[in-house]
Amino acid sequence: MFLKGLIFTSVGLLGLTLILTVLHYFNLINDKAVEVIKLIISITSISVGGFVVGASCEKKGWLSGLKFAFIIILIFVLFTFIFRIGFNFKTFIYYLIIIASSTIGSMIGISTKINEK
């Protein structure tokens, strides 16, 4: 259940970040826009992953989305320790955004599943 959501999230993050990098490399997007687009990419990719997780669970989509968010945060924290990036307030807010987008995506996913029945 969570593996499928992680695959969707990873492919979305990597694919859209690659496109953003190419556009930024050719100076089609300025630095300020890149920062905003990176946040939008993260929110949409994690929401889609949460949607997939919510669509595959039976009930309590918000709880599945919350679990999924904590799995993603755990992966990000591991990367933070591996690459020795420090924690700050901005990182904490980013993690809260991850929790919110995953939970909302999962709730939407389970509600579309319930409406299909």
Protein backbone atom coordinates (compact mmCIF):
# COMPACT_ATOMS: atom_id res chain seq x y z
CA MET A 1 0.00 0.00 0.00
CA PHE A 2 2.69 2.50 1.02
CA LEU A 3 5.18 1.24 -1.56
CA LYS A 4 2.87 2.17 -4.43
CA GLY A 5 2.43 5.66 -2.97
CA LEU A 6 6.19 6.02 -2.52
CA ILE A 7 6.76 5.02 -6.14
CA PHE A 8 4.24 7.60 -7.40
CA THR A 9 5.76 10.26 -5.14
CA SER A 10 9.34 9.44 -6.12
CA VAL A 11 8.63 9.39 -9.85
CA GLY A 12 6.71 12.66 -9.60
CA LEU A 13 9.42 14.37 -7.56
CA LEU A 14 12.29 13.16 -9.74
CA GLY A 15 10.55 13.72 -13.08
CA LEU A 16 9.23 17.18 -12.35
CA THR A 17 12.47 18.24 -10.67
CA LEU A 18 14.40 17.11 -13.74
CA ILE A 19 12.16 19.22 -15.97
CA LEU A 20 12.53 22.18 -13.60
CA THR A 21 16.31 21.78 -13.60
CA VAL A 22 16.48 21.79 -17.38
CA LEU A 23 14.29 24.89 -17.60
CA HIS A 24 16.41 26.64 -14.97
CA TYR A 25 19.64 25.59 -16.69
CA PHE A 26 18.57 27.34 -19.90
CA ASN A 27 17.52 30.44 -17.89
CA LEU A 28 13.85 30.08 -18.76
CA ILE A 29 12.89 30.36 -15.09
CA ASN A 30 14.43 32.75 -12.55
CA ASP A 31 15.62 31.81 -9.05
CA LYS A 32 12.57 33.08 -7.16
CA ALA A 33 10.23 31.10 -9.38
CA VAL A 34 12.34 27.97 -8.94
CA GLU A 35 11.91 28.10 -5.17
CA VAL A 36 8.12 28.40 -5.47
CA ILE A 37 7.89 25.71 -8.15
CA LYS A 38 9.98 23.32 -6.02
CA LEU A 39 7.46 23.68 -3.22
CA ILE A 40 4.55 23.18 -5.62
CA ILE A 41 6.22 20.06 -7.05
CA SER A 42 6.67 18.64 -3.55
CA ILE A 43 3.09 19.36 -2.54
CA THR A 44 1.57 17.86 -5.68
CA SER A 45 3.81 14.78 -5.72
CA ILE A 46 3.16 13.99 -2.07
CA SER A 47 -0.56 14.66 -2.51
CA VAL A 48 -0.67 12.21 -5.42
CA GLY A 49 1.17 9.63 -3.33
CA GLY A 50 -1.28 10.22 -0.49
CA PHE A 51 -4.16 9.90 -2.96
CA VAL A 52 -2.84 6.51 -4.09
CA VAL A 53 -2.43 5.36 -0.48
CA GLY A 54 -5.92 6.59 0.40
CA ALA A 55 -7.47 4.88 -2.60
CA SER A 56 -5.91 1.56 -1.58
CA CYS A 57 -7.00 1.59 2.08
CA GLU A 58 -10.36 0.47 3.41
CA LYS A 59 -11.12 3.20 5.96
CA LYS A 60 -9.55 6.07 7.88
CA GLY A 61 -7.80 7.67 4.93
CA TRP A 62 -6.48 10.49 7.08
CA LEU A 63 -4.60 7.98 9.25
CA SER A 64 -3.09 6.27 6.21
CA GLY A 65 -2.07 9.66 4.85
CA LEU A 66 -0.50 10.55 8.18
CA LYS A 67 1.48 7.30 8.24
CA PHE A 68 2.57 7.91 4.66
CA ALA A 69 3.70 11.43 5.56
CA PHE A 70 5.79 10.16 8.43
CA ILE A 71 7.43 7.58 6.16
CA ILE A 72 8.37 10.38 3.73
CA ILE A 73 9.60 12.59 6.56
CA LEU A 74 11.70 9.70 7.88
CA ILE A 75 13.29 9.32 4.44
CA PHE A 76 13.97 13.07 4.27
CA VAL A 77 15.46 13.08 7.78
CA LEU A 78 17.76 10.20 6.81
CA PHE A 79 18.90 12.18 3.77
CA THR A 80 19.41 15.18 6.03
CA PHE A 81 21.71 13.18 8.29
CA ILE A 82 23.56 11.54 5.39
CA PHE A 83 24.28 14.83 3.62
CA ARG A 84 24.76 16.75 6.90
CA ILE A 85 22.14 19.39 6.23
CA GLY A 86 21.04 21.22 9.35
CA PHE A 87 17.52 21.52 10.71
CA ASN A 88 15.92 24.93 10.93
CA PHE A 89 12.49 26.49 11.15
CA LYS A 90 12.05 26.37 7.37
CA THR A 91 12.61 22.60 7.40
CA PHE A 92 10.06 22.18 10.19
CA ILE A 93 7.46 24.13 8.18
CA TYR A 94 8.28 22.01 5.13
CA TYR A 95 7.61 18.85 7.15
CA LEU A 96 4.27 20.26 8.31
CA ILE A 97 3.38 20.94 4.67
CA ILE A 98 4.28 17.33 3.84
CA ILE A 99 2.00 16.07 6.60
CA ALA A 100 -0.88 18.28 5.47
CA SER A 101 -0.60 17.48 1.76
CA SER A 102 -0.28 13.73 2.32
CA THR A 103 -3.21 13.64 4.71
CA ILE A 104 -5.45 15.72 2.45
CA GLY A 105 -4.45 13.65 -0.61
CA SER A 106 -5.25 10.45 1.24
CA MET A 107 -8.63 11.74 2.40
CA ILE A 108 -9.49 12.69 -1.19
CA GLY A 109 -8.30 9.27 -2.37
CA ILE A 110 -10.50 7.34 0.03
CA SER A 111 -13.50 9.58 -0.64
CA THR A 112 -13.28 8.94 -4.40
CA LYS A 113 -13.09 5.23 -3.66
CA ILE A 114 -16.21 5.43 -1.47
CA ASN A 115 -18.07 7.42 -4.14
CA GLU A 116 -17.28 4.81 -6.79
CA LYS A 117 -19.12 2.06 -4.84
